[in-house]
Amino acid sequence: MTTPDVTVVVAVYNTMPYLTECLNSLVNQSIGRDRLEVVAVDDGSTDDSGRELDRFAEKYPDTVKVIHQANSGGPAAPSNRALEVATGRYVYFIGSDDYLGKEALERMVACADEHGSDVVVGKMVGTNGRYVRQKLYKGNKPDIDLYTSDLPYALANTKLFRRDLVEKHHLRFPEDLPVGSDQPFTIEACVRAAKISVLGDYTFYYAVKRGDASNITYRADHLSRLQCTARIMHHAAELIEPGPGRDHVLVRHFTWELAKLVQDDFLDLERRTQTEICAGIAELADAYFTETLRDAMDVKRRVRIALARLGAVDKLGEAIRMGEAPLLLEDGRAYARYPGFRDPLLGLPDRTFELIGEPAHTALAEGTSLVSADWDQDGEKMAVSLSVRVGVAGETGSAVLRLADKAMPKSADKPGGRRLPAGSELPAPVGEFGSEADGSSTVLLARIPVQPRSVKLGVRVYLDVAGSTYEIPVPTRGVPLPLARRWRETIPYRISANSNSKGRLVITTAPLWGPEPGTGRRVRTLLSRVKRKLTR
């Protein structure tokens, strides 16, 4: 019998009906069934998964091999069992609730053969709301490493591995690790690989989040996840010597696995469990939380790890409830004023709370709100008087309010604002301005003249933070707005203040008897639709 090019390993436990799509995506691969071997191990399923596997084995006897075994409690044991019988030149692992793009295996095998790759990573996307980080998949890269790429954030075993590499180093999955058992395997394979390639020009893998969220990662409790993460980090540390390379790998575990233990659901845990989690994080931080690694994290998660490390459970709870912290601008730096900032009892350095290279727009947007808005009319002249609170204290001299006639880009919707490109030049602000310090925030005051024209003007805050300029639209947050007003006699105009569909304050001016801004575009759209109907 000819040696298959690739063996696909499928560890199965109660994944119907998703299993059917998974298996169909394998037997219909463009590589052809004569070059393919599928080894599926049923880990004691209690649904119809075992019968479905047998059906495929009966239908495709030269391609699909099925092994049935008692339940082992995780995917590691069935994956190891499959490796013992695999015969392909390469081995590929797939979750039994996921599926592949039709050309996935053919493309990856071709890449490995062309470049001599020991590991090939194909682009993965999530379905049903499952998050999959995409930074690694920006194009094809024939030769990357674990220490300078985004690979540490893609440590699942859903990759093509040269089987000679697997057997040479006897790479297997730790069967006593209920969560994350694929990470030690993947990390060691990538450490020992002569070449790792990434393919980002095709969707190879579709990762499915089940409707009942019963994927094992979503079911594990906090302490189990902590223990498994500790095992993974210690394993990585044994393989990689201290230094920037190790930091680059382990920052993923501090940023993802450990930081996820101190999110909102941490507040619902028993105090004893909270204390155990903090103690576990402290042990790992004492071993691996270098200054370089610390500075590579975003401030929110960095602070939570630092508070957990100190066992400051109450302060940690306060920080979690706070979400985004108000900022302090001082000596050209920006600090997030989370609980524990400059607390002499804790003694955390300011660097722990500093925004280091990360954007500040989310924190700025969270702390920005309208205090009041009103009209200031003087005969034929009209101005809008504004009072806006921003969650920033300290060196706020650059903060100013403007009326902008261009819409914010859609990329600013989720963070609530944007960092302007370097070198952006803004016109001098027009109007009268002032500010009032208010504890941890600043209230910006402005009287801005409005010209008689048809226009929609967004009210924006512009502010310099740590060398970057930010533009933040002002949310109304339910604050009462002034009634529309008529002004001018010769050609009367109407001015109004509204909260748009995104909750942002917009000032609209238009001739009282003419069409409102945007009417022409709406009329043209309507006429276009009528014309299409008439020509059908």
Protein backbone atom coordinates (compact mmCIF):
# COMPACT_ATOMS: atom_id res chain seq x y z
CA MET A 1 0.00 0.00 0.00
CA THR A 2 1.28 3.48 -0.87
CA THR A 3 2.22 5.67 2.10
CA PRO A 4 -0.32 8.48 2.39
CA ASP A 5 0.92 12.04 2.28
CA VAL A 6 -0.98 13.04 5.38
CA THR A 7 -2.72 11.42 8.32
CA VAL A 8 -5.51 13.47 9.83
CA VAL A 9 -6.09 12.74 13.51
CA VAL A 10 -9.61 13.26 14.86
CA ALA A 11 -10.21 12.87 18.59
CA VAL A 12 -13.97 12.45 19.07
CA TYR A 13 -16.24 12.76 22.06
CA ASN A 14 -19.95 13.59 21.70
CA THR A 15 -19.65 16.05 18.82
CA MET A 16 -22.73 15.22 16.79
CA PRO A 17 -24.07 16.76 14.62
CA TYR A 18 -20.87 18.78 14.02
CA LEU A 19 -18.88 15.59 13.43
CA THR A 20 -20.62 14.88 10.13
CA GLU A 21 -19.50 18.17 8.57
CA CYS A 22 -15.99 17.60 9.92
CA LEU A 23 -15.70 14.16 8.31
CA ASN A 24 -17.25 15.29 5.04
CA SER A 25 -14.70 18.10 4.83
CA LEU A 26 -11.93 15.48 5.17
CA VAL A 27 -13.05 12.79 2.72
CA ASN A 28 -13.80 15.47 0.10
CA GLN A 29 -10.38 17.14 0.30
CA SER A 30 -8.88 18.08 -3.07
CA ILE A 31 -5.71 16.17 -2.19
CA GLY A 32 -7.65 13.00 -2.95
CA ARG A 33 -8.47 10.05 -0.73
CA ASP A 34 -5.58 8.02 -2.17
CA ARG A 35 -3.14 10.48 -0.55
CA LEU A 36 -5.08 10.75 2.68
CA GLU A 37 -5.48 8.75 5.87
CA VAL A 38 -8.03 9.66 8.53
CA VAL A 39 -7.59 8.13 11.98
CA ALA A 40 -10.58 8.90 14.20
CA VAL A 41 -10.58 7.79 17.83
CA ASP A 42 -13.95 7.66 19.59
CA ASP A 43 -13.22 8.46 23.23
CA GLY A 44 -16.25 6.71 24.70
CA SER A 45 -18.92 8.92 23.13
CA THR A 46 -22.44 8.52 24.50
CA ASP A 47 -24.21 10.16 21.56
CA ASP A 48 -24.25 8.99 17.94
CA SER A 49 -20.61 9.98 17.28
CA GLY A 50 -19.33 6.38 17.37
CA ARG A 51 -21.96 5.19 14.94
CA GLU A 52 -21.27 8.09 12.61
CA LEU A 53 -17.56 7.23 12.59
CA ASP A 54 -18.36 3.61 11.76
CA ARG A 55 -20.61 4.76 8.91
CA PHE A 56 -17.78 6.76 7.35
CA ALA A 57 -15.31 3.90 7.87
CA GLU A 58 -17.68 1.54 6.08
CA LYS A 59 -18.20 3.99 3.24
CA TYR A 60 -14.49 4.88 2.86
CA PRO A 61 -12.65 1.75 4.10
CA ASP A 62 -9.35 2.65 2.39
CA THR A 63 -9.26 6.11 3.95
CA VAL A 64 -11.02 6.20 7.31
CA LYS A 65 -9.82 4.16 10.28
CA VAL A 66 -11.85 4.18 13.50
CA ILE A 67 -10.70 3.20 16.98
CA HIS A 68 -13.16 2.96 19.89
CA GLN A 69 -11.93 3.29 23.47
CA ALA A 70 -13.25 4.05 26.95
CA ASN A 71 -13.56 7.70 27.84
CA SER A 72 -10.25 9.22 28.96
CA GLY A 73 -11.53 12.67 29.95
CA GLY A 74 -9.86 14.75 27.24
CA PRO A 75 -8.47 14.85 23.71
CA ALA A 76 -4.88 13.94 24.64
CA ALA A 77 -5.26 10.14 24.99
CA PRO A 78 -7.22 9.62 21.75
CA SER A 79 -4.75 11.84 19.88
CA ASN A 80 -1.82 9.79 21.21
CA ARG A 81 -3.61 6.56 20.27
CA ALA A 82 -4.03 7.86 16.72
CA LEU A 83 -0.35 8.81 16.48
CA GLU A 84 0.60 5.20 17.26
CA VAL A 85 -1.13 3.96 14.10
CA ALA A 86 -0.55 6.98 11.80
CA THR A 87 1.39 6.21 8.60
CA GLY A 88 1.36 9.52 6.69
CA ARG A 89 4.45 11.57 5.91
CA TYR A 90 2.72 14.41 7.70
CA VAL A 91 0.17 14.43 10.47
CA TYR A 92 -2.60 16.96 10.92
CA PHE A 93 -4.95 17.44 13.88
CA ILE A 94 -8.53 18.67 13.66
CA GLY A 95 -11.18 19.19 16.31
CA SER A 96 -14.14 16.93 15.65
CA ASP A 97 -16.55 19.87 15.74
CA ASP A 98 -14.51 21.88 13.21
CA TYR A 99 -14.00 21.54 9.46
CA LEU A 100 -11.48 22.29 6.70
CA GLY A 101 -11.54 24.27 3.49
CA LYS A 102 -11.59 21.94 0.49
CA GLU A 103 -7.99 22.61 -0.63
CA ALA A 104 -6.51 22.81 2.87
CA LEU A 105 -4.44 19.61 2.98
CA GLU A 106 -3.26 19.80 -0.62
CA ARG A 107 -1.97 23.34 -0.14
CA MET A 108 -0.24 22.61 3.17
CA VAL A 109 1.46 19.44 1.96
CA ALA A 110 2.66 21.28 -1.17
CA CYS A 111 4.07 24.07 1.01
CA ALA A 112 5.88 21.64 3.30
CA ASP A 113 7.38 19.77 0.36
CA GLU A 114 8.45 22.95 -1.43
CA HIS A 115 10.07 24.64 1.57
CA GLY A 116 11.14 21.63 3.64
CA SER A 117 8.87 22.80 6.45
CA ASP A 118 8.51 20.75 9.62
CA VAL A 119 5.41 22.70 10.64
CA VAL A 120 2.87 24.43 8.40
CA VAL A 121 0.23 26.75 9.86
CA GLY A 122 -2.82 27.46 7.70
CA LYS A 123 -5.15 30.38 8.24
CA MET A 124 -7.90 29.66 10.76
CA VAL A 125 -11.14 31.58 11.22
CA GLY A 126 -13.85 31.28 13.85
CA THR A 127 -17.53 30.56 13.29
CA ASN A 128 -20.61 31.04 15.49
CA GLY A 129 -18.85 33.87 17.29
CA ARG A 130 -15.66 31.97 18.11
CA TYR A 131 -12.71 34.37 18.31
CA VAL A 132 -9.57 33.52 16.37
CA ARG A 133 -6.74 36.04 16.31
CA GLN A 134 -5.75 36.90 12.74
CA LYS A 135 -2.43 38.75 13.06
CA LEU A 136 -0.35 35.66 12.18
CA TYR A 137 -2.14 35.17 8.87
CA LYS A 138 -1.19 38.41 7.10
CA GLY A 139 0.07 36.75 3.92
CA ASN A 140 2.28 33.73 3.26
CA LYS A 141 5.53 33.39 5.21
CA PRO A 142 7.73 30.40 4.29
CA ASP A 143 10.06 30.73 7.29
CA ILE A 144 9.05 32.14 10.68
CA ASP A 145 10.02 31.30 14.25
CA LEU A 146 8.32 31.11 17.61
CA TYR A 147 10.29 33.98 19.12
CA THR A 148 9.61 36.95 16.84
CA SER A 149 6.24 36.17 15.21
CA ASP A 150 2.64 36.01 16.43
CA LEU A 151 2.87 32.21 16.61
CA PRO A 152 2.67 32.10 20.44
CA TYR A 153 -0.94 33.24 20.04
CA ALA A 154 -1.70 30.23 17.80
CA LEU A 155 -0.57 27.24 19.87
CA ALA A 156 -3.42 24.87 19.05
CA ASN A 157 -2.29 21.64 17.37
CA THR A 158 -4.39 22.39 14.29
CA LYS A 159 -1.32 22.42 12.07
CA LEU A 160 0.55 20.17 9.66
CA PHE A 161 3.52 18.47 11.34
CA ARG A 162 6.22 16.40 9.66
CA ARG A 163 5.74 12.97 11.25
CA ASP A 164 9.48 12.26 11.26
CA LEU A 165 9.87 15.25 13.60
CA VAL A 166 7.05 13.99 15.82
CA GLU A 167 8.56 10.51 16.11
CA LYS A 168 12.18 11.61 16.36
CA HIS A 169 11.39 13.57 19.53
CA HIS A 170 8.52 11.28 20.55
CA LEU A 171 6.15 14.23 20.78
CA ARG A 172 2.95 13.27 22.57
CA PHE A 173 0.12 14.99 24.40
CA PRO A 174 0.14 15.00 28.24
CA GLU A 175 -2.86 12.88 29.15
CA ASP A 176 -3.18 14.30 32.66
CA LEU A 177 -3.78 17.83 31.32
CA PRO A 178 -7.55 18.33 30.90
CA VAL A 179 -7.24 21.76 29.23
CA GLY A 180 -4.59 22.94 26.78
CA SER A 181 -2.95 19.55 26.25
CA ASP A 182 -2.13 20.53 22.68
CA GLN A 183 0.07 23.47 23.75
CA PRO A 184 3.06 21.48 25.10
CA PHE A 185 3.04 19.39 21.91
CA THR A 186 2.86 22.44 19.64
CA ILE A 187 5.42 24.48 21.58
CA GLU A 188 7.97 21.67 21.54
CA ALA A 189 7.37 20.93 17.85
CA CYS A 190 7.93 24.60 17.01
CA VAL A 191 11.06 24.79 19.19
CA ARG A 192 12.55 21.73 17.49
CA ALA A 193 11.37 22.48 13.93
CA ALA A 194 14.00 23.44 11.37
CA LYS A 195 11.44 25.53 9.50
CA ILE A 196 7.92 26.77 10.22
CA SER A 197 5.74 28.14 7.43
CA VAL A 198 2.51 30.15 7.52
CA LEU A 199 -0.10 30.23 4.77
CA GLY A 200 -2.53 33.13 4.96
CA ASP A 201 -3.89 33.30 1.42
CA TYR A 202 -6.66 30.71 1.92
CA THR A 203 -9.05 29.78 4.72
CA PHE A 204 -7.79 26.37 5.77
CA TYR A 205 -9.57 25.80 9.06
CA TYR A 206 -13.01 26.74 10.39
CA ALA A 207 -13.11 26.66 14.21
CA VAL A 208 -16.67 26.17 15.42
CA LYS A 209 -18.05 27.41 18.71
CA ARG A 210 -20.86 25.04 19.51
CA GLY A 211 -24.29 26.48 20.15
CA ASP A 212 -24.26 25.01 23.67
CA ALA A 213 -20.67 26.26 24.31
CA SER A 214 -19.70 22.70 25.26
CA ASN A 215 -16.19 22.89 23.79
CA ILE A 216 -13.87 21.71 26.57
CA THR A 217 -12.08 25.07 26.82
CA TYR A 218 -15.36 26.78 27.64
CA ARG A 219 -16.29 24.23 30.34
CA ALA A 220 -13.16 24.20 32.49
CA ASP A 221 -13.23 25.96 35.86
CA HIS A 222 -10.78 28.60 37.06
CA LEU A 223 -8.52 26.41 39.15
CA SER A 224 -8.25 23.72 36.47
CA ARG A 225 -7.28 26.36 33.92
CA LEU A 226 -4.72 27.82 36.33
CA GLN A 227 -3.10 24.43 36.99
CA CYS A 228 -2.98 23.57 33.29
CA THR A 229 -1.51 26.95 32.40
CA ALA A 230 1.20 26.50 35.02
CA ARG A 231 2.15 23.13 33.53
CA ILE A 232 2.28 24.61 30.03
CA MET A 233 4.43 27.55 31.11
CA HIS A 234 6.87 25.37 33.04
CA HIS A 235 7.17 23.06 30.01
CA ALA A 236 7.91 26.01 27.73
CA ALA A 237 10.48 27.35 30.20
CA GLU A 238 12.30 24.01 30.19
CA LEU A 239 12.59 24.17 26.40
CA ILE A 240 13.48 27.86 25.99
CA GLU A 241 16.31 29.57 27.84
CA PRO A 242 15.59 32.81 29.72
CA GLY A 243 15.65 35.93 27.59
CA PRO A 244 13.61 37.77 24.97
CA GLY A 245 12.56 34.55 23.20
CA ARG A 246 11.04 33.03 26.32
CA ASP A 247 9.39 36.34 27.23
CA HIS A 248 7.87 36.51 23.74
CA VAL A 249 6.26 33.10 24.20
CA LEU A 250 5.13 33.46 27.82
CA VAL A 251 3.60 36.92 27.40
CA ARG A 252 0.79 35.07 25.62
CA HIS A 253 0.03 33.08 28.78
CA PHE A 254 0.05 36.13 31.03
CA THR A 255 -2.07 38.07 28.54
CA TRP A 256 -4.55 35.32 27.72
CA GLU A 257 -4.73 32.34 30.05
CA LEU A 258 -3.81 34.07 33.32
CA ALA A 259 -5.52 37.39 32.60
CA LYS A 260 -8.74 35.54 31.76
CA LEU A 261 -8.76 34.17 35.30
CA VAL A 262 -9.13 37.72 36.67
CA GLN A 263 -11.96 38.99 34.49
CA ASP A 264 -15.53 39.80 35.54
CA ASP A 265 -16.38 36.22 36.57
CA PHE A 266 -13.56 36.34 39.14
CA LEU A 267 -15.88 38.52 41.22
CA ASP A 268 -18.42 35.70 41.50
CA LEU A 269 -15.96 33.18 42.95
CA GLU A 270 -15.67 32.25 46.60
CA ARG A 271 -13.03 34.20 48.50
CA ARG A 272 -10.97 31.05 49.03
CA THR A 273 -10.90 30.36 45.30
CA GLN A 274 -9.97 33.98 44.57
CA THR A 275 -7.07 33.70 47.00
CA GLU A 276 -5.89 30.43 45.41
CA ILE A 277 -5.97 31.97 41.96
CA CYS A 278 -3.93 34.96 43.13
CA ALA A 279 -1.40 32.63 44.79
CA GLY A 280 -1.05 30.60 41.59
CA ILE A 281 -0.56 33.71 39.48
CA ALA A 282 2.00 34.98 42.01
CA GLU A 283 4.04 31.79 41.70
CA LEU A 284 4.17 32.10 37.92
CA ALA A 285 4.84 35.85 38.05
CA ASP A 286 7.71 35.34 40.48
CA ALA A 287 9.25 32.84 38.05
CA TYR A 288 8.63 34.48 34.69
CA PHE A 289 7.19 38.01 34.92
CA THR A 290 10.25 39.92 33.73
CA GLU A 291 10.25 43.68 33.15
CA THR A 292 10.37 43.08 29.40
CA LEU A 293 7.36 40.81 29.57
CA ARG A 294 5.54 43.24 31.88
CA ASP A 295 6.05 46.11 29.46
CA ALA A 296 4.75 44.02 26.55
CA MET A 297 1.31 43.71 28.18
CA ASP A 298 -1.55 46.18 27.96
CA VAL A 299 -2.05 48.19 31.12
CA LYS A 300 -5.41 46.74 32.17
CA ARG A 301 -4.19 43.15 32.25
CA ARG A 302 -0.74 44.12 33.54
CA VAL A 303 -2.28 45.82 36.58
CA ARG A 304 -4.53 42.85 37.31
CA ILE A 305 -1.58 40.44 37.17
CA ALA A 306 0.43 42.76 39.46
CA LEU A 307 -2.39 43.03 42.01
CA ALA A 308 -2.97 39.28 41.93
CA ARG A 309 0.76 38.73 42.45
CA LEU A 310 0.58 40.77 45.65
CA GLY A 311 -2.50 38.90 46.84
CA ALA A 312 -4.42 42.21 46.90
CA VAL A 313 -7.77 40.53 46.29
CA ASP A 314 -9.90 43.55 47.25
CA LYS A 315 -7.90 45.98 45.10
CA LEU A 316 -8.03 43.46 42.25
CA GLY A 317 -11.81 43.30 42.56
CA GLU A 318 -12.01 47.09 42.45
CA ALA A 319 -9.83 47.17 39.33
CA ILE A 320 -12.00 44.58 37.59
CA ARG A 321 -15.18 46.50 38.41
CA MET A 322 -13.63 49.73 37.15
CA GLY A 323 -13.03 48.46 33.63
CA GLU A 324 -11.29 51.42 32.00
CA ALA A 325 -9.39 53.65 34.42
CA PRO A 326 -9.15 57.47 34.29
CA LEU A 327 -5.81 58.69 33.01
CA LEU A 328 -3.16 60.89 34.58
CA LEU A 329 -0.95 62.80 32.13
CA GLU A 330 2.39 63.64 33.67
CA ASP A 331 5.82 64.46 32.21
CA GLY A 332 4.76 63.28 28.74
CA ARG A 333 3.57 59.91 30.06
CA ALA A 334 0.08 58.51 30.60
CA TYR A 335 -0.88 56.45 33.64
CA ALA A 336 -4.09 54.49 34.19
CA ARG A 337 -5.26 55.34 37.69
CA TYR A 338 -6.39 51.88 38.75
CA PRO A 339 -6.71 50.95 42.41
CA GLY A 340 -3.19 50.54 43.77
CA PHE A 341 -1.69 53.41 41.77
CA ARG A 342 0.89 55.10 44.01
CA ASP A 343 -0.44 53.19 47.00
CA PRO A 344 2.47 53.15 49.50
CA LEU A 345 1.16 49.95 51.08
CA LEU A 346 1.48 48.08 47.80
CA GLY A 347 4.62 49.74 46.46
CA LEU A 348 3.92 49.02 42.80
CA PRO A 349 6.11 51.07 40.43
CA ASP A 350 4.47 53.67 38.21
CA ARG A 351 5.61 51.63 35.22
CA THR A 352 2.98 49.03 36.12
CA PHE A 353 0.24 51.60 35.44
CA GLU A 354 1.80 53.30 32.40
CA LEU A 355 0.36 53.07 28.90
CA ILE A 356 3.39 51.76 27.02
CA GLY A 357 2.91 52.02 23.28
CA GLU A 358 -0.76 51.06 23.44
CA PRO A 359 -3.59 53.28 22.20
CA ALA A 360 -5.58 55.26 24.76
CA HIS A 361 -8.78 55.82 22.78
CA THR A 362 -10.86 53.21 24.65
CA ALA A 363 -10.02 54.68 28.05
CA LEU A 364 -10.60 58.21 26.73
CA ALA A 365 -13.94 57.26 25.21
CA GLU A 366 -15.06 55.52 28.40
CA GLY A 367 -14.29 58.64 30.44
CA THR A 368 -15.82 61.17 28.04
CA SER A 369 -19.38 62.41 28.55
CA LEU A 370 -21.51 65.45 27.91
CA VAL A 371 -22.21 67.65 30.93
CA SER A 372 -24.34 70.29 29.19
CA ALA A 373 -25.05 71.87 25.83
CA ASP A 374 -26.90 75.12 25.06
CA TRP A 375 -27.28 77.85 22.47
CA ASP A 376 -25.69 81.28 22.88
CA GLN A 377 -27.39 83.68 20.48
CA ASP A 378 -26.42 87.31 19.95
CA GLY A 379 -28.66 88.83 17.31
CA GLU A 380 -27.75 87.28 13.97
CA LYS A 381 -24.88 85.35 15.52
CA MET A 382 -25.18 81.86 16.95
CA ALA A 383 -22.80 79.80 19.05
CA VAL A 384 -23.01 76.51 20.89
CA SER A 385 -21.90 76.42 24.52
CA LEU A 386 -20.54 73.06 25.62
CA SER A 387 -19.35 71.47 28.83
CA VAL A 388 -17.74 68.02 28.42
CA ARG A 389 -16.08 65.81 31.02
CA VAL A 390 -13.02 63.78 30.04
CA GLY A 391 -11.54 61.08 32.27
CA VAL A 392 -8.10 62.67 32.27
CA ALA A 393 -6.23 64.71 34.86
CA GLY A 394 -2.82 66.35 34.99
CA GLU A 395 -1.31 67.90 31.88
CA THR A 396 -4.52 68.48 29.91
CA GLY A 397 -3.57 71.76 28.25
CA SER A 398 -3.86 70.23 24.77
CA ALA A 399 -7.48 69.14 25.28
CA VAL A 400 -9.97 71.11 23.21
CA LEU A 401 -13.48 70.79 21.79
CA ARG A 402 -14.17 71.15 18.08
CA LEU A 403 -17.10 70.78 15.71
CA ALA A 404 -16.15 68.38 12.91
CA ASP A 405 -18.03 68.13 9.60
CA LYS A 406 -16.64 64.72 8.65
CA ALA A 407 -17.94 61.42 9.97
CA MET A 408 -15.74 59.25 12.17
CA PRO A 409 -14.38 56.16 10.37
CA LYS A 410 -16.16 52.88 11.18
CA SER A 411 -12.94 51.58 12.72
CA ALA A 412 -13.53 54.05 15.56
CA ASP A 413 -16.94 52.59 16.47
CA LYS A 414 -15.82 49.80 18.80
CA PRO A 415 -13.09 51.70 20.72
CA GLY A 416 -15.20 54.87 20.74
CA GLY A 417 -12.54 57.06 19.15
CA ARG A 418 -9.30 56.99 17.24
CA ARG A 419 -5.64 57.86 17.37
CA LEU A 420 -4.87 60.28 14.53
CA PRO A 421 -2.07 59.32 12.13
CA ALA A 422 1.33 60.70 13.04
CA GLY A 423 1.89 64.11 11.48
CA SER A 424 -1.81 64.96 11.27
CA GLU A 425 -2.33 68.70 11.34
CA LEU A 426 -5.50 70.16 12.82
CA PRO A 427 -6.67 73.71 12.16
CA ALA A 428 -6.53 76.13 15.05
CA PRO A 429 -9.62 75.79 17.24
CA VAL A 430 -12.22 78.51 16.74
CA GLY A 431 -14.06 79.91 19.74
CA GLU A 432 -13.54 80.54 23.42
CA PHE A 433 -12.19 77.73 25.59
CA GLY A 434 -11.47 76.86 29.19
CA SER A 435 -11.21 73.91 31.53
CA GLU A 436 -11.79 72.98 35.15
CA ALA A 437 -9.99 70.24 37.04
CA ASP A 438 -12.45 67.94 38.78
CA GLY A 439 -10.61 65.33 40.82
CA SER A 440 -9.58 62.50 38.50
CA SER A 441 -11.23 64.15 35.47
CA THR A 442 -11.28 67.47 33.63
CA VAL A 443 -14.29 69.44 32.43
CA LEU A 444 -13.71 71.15 29.08
CA LEU A 445 -15.63 74.35 28.39
CA ALA A 446 -16.19 75.88 24.96
CA ARG A 447 -18.22 78.52 23.18
CA ILE A 448 -17.97 77.74 19.48
CA PRO A 449 -19.52 80.01 16.81
CA VAL A 450 -21.72 78.34 14.21
CA GLN A 451 -22.00 79.56 10.61
CA PRO A 452 -25.27 79.62 8.63
CA ARG A 453 -24.92 76.63 6.29
CA SER A 454 -26.41 73.21 5.74
CA VAL A 455 -24.21 70.84 7.72
CA LYS A 456 -24.05 68.17 10.41
CA LEU A 457 -21.27 68.80 12.93
CA GLY A 458 -20.00 66.16 15.32
CA VAL A 459 -18.83 67.38 18.71
CA ARG A 460 -15.34 65.97 19.30
CA VAL A 461 -12.63 66.09 21.95
CA TYR A 462 -9.05 66.38 20.70
CA LEU A 463 -6.31 65.54 23.16
CA ASP A 464 -2.58 64.71 23.16
CA VAL A 465 -1.68 61.62 25.17
CA ALA A 466 1.89 60.31 25.43
CA GLY A 467 2.93 61.70 22.05
CA SER A 468 -0.24 60.85 20.09
CA THR A 469 -3.31 62.94 19.28
CA TYR A 470 -6.74 61.38 19.84
CA GLU A 471 -10.14 62.27 18.45
CA ILE A 472 -13.07 61.25 20.65
CA PRO A 473 -16.71 61.88 19.70
CA VAL A 474 -18.76 63.12 22.66
CA PRO A 475 -21.50 60.71 23.79
CA THR A 476 -24.66 62.28 25.21
CA ARG A 477 -25.30 59.47 27.74
CA GLY A 478 -28.88 60.65 28.30
CA VAL A 479 -28.05 64.27 29.12
CA PRO A 480 -30.96 66.60 28.11
CA LEU A 481 -30.26 68.54 24.92
CA PRO A 482 -31.47 72.07 24.06
CA LEU A 483 -34.57 72.51 21.94
CA ALA A 484 -34.08 73.42 18.29
CA ARG A 485 -33.88 77.14 17.67
CA ARG A 486 -34.43 79.53 14.79
CA TRP A 487 -31.89 82.25 14.14
CA ARG A 488 -31.29 84.97 11.52
CA GLU A 489 -34.06 87.03 9.90
CA THR A 490 -33.05 87.59 6.27
CA ILE A 491 -32.56 83.90 5.55
CA PRO A 492 -33.79 82.08 8.65
CA TYR A 493 -31.83 79.04 9.83
CA ARG A 494 -32.63 76.26 12.25
CA ILE A 495 -30.09 74.77 14.67
CA SER A 496 -30.65 71.55 16.60
CA ALA A 497 -28.75 69.18 18.86
CA ASN A 498 -29.33 65.45 18.58
CA SER A 499 -27.91 62.14 19.68
CA ASN A 500 -27.17 60.12 16.54
CA SER A 501 -27.62 56.36 16.13
CA LYS A 502 -24.31 55.78 17.90
CA GLY A 503 -25.24 57.97 20.86
CA ARG A 504 -22.92 60.81 19.85
CA LEU A 505 -23.74 64.52 20.01
CA VAL A 506 -24.37 66.11 16.60
CA ILE A 507 -25.18 69.77 15.86
CA THR A 508 -27.27 70.29 12.70
CA THR A 509 -27.83 73.60 10.92
CA ALA A 510 -29.94 74.20 7.82
CA PRO A 511 -32.12 76.91 6.22
CA LEU A 512 -35.47 76.91 7.97
CA TRP A 513 -37.43 76.56 4.72
CA GLY A 514 -34.95 74.49 2.73
CA PRO A 515 -34.11 70.77 2.79
CA GLU A 516 -32.11 69.41 5.71
CA PRO A 517 -28.54 68.21 5.13
CA GLY A 518 -28.55 64.83 3.42
CA THR A 519 -31.93 65.34 1.75
CA GLY A 520 -30.39 65.56 -1.73
CA ARG A 521 -28.62 62.26 -1.31
CA ARG A 522 -31.80 60.59 -0.07
CA VAL A 523 -33.78 61.97 -3.03
CA ARG A 524 -31.14 60.73 -5.50
CA THR A 525 -31.26 57.28 -3.90
CA LEU A 526 -35.06 57.20 -4.15
CA LEU A 527 -35.03 58.30 -7.80
CA SER A 528 -32.44 55.62 -8.59
CA ARG A 529 -34.68 52.94 -7.08
CA VAL A 530 -37.70 54.21 -9.05
CA LYS A 531 -35.66 54.19 -12.26
CA ARG A 532 -34.56 50.57 -11.70
CA LYS A 533 -38.17 49.50 -11.16
CA LEU A 534 -39.33 51.25 -14.35
CA THR A 535 -36.64 49.57 -16.47
CA ARG A 536 -37.47 46.04 -15.32
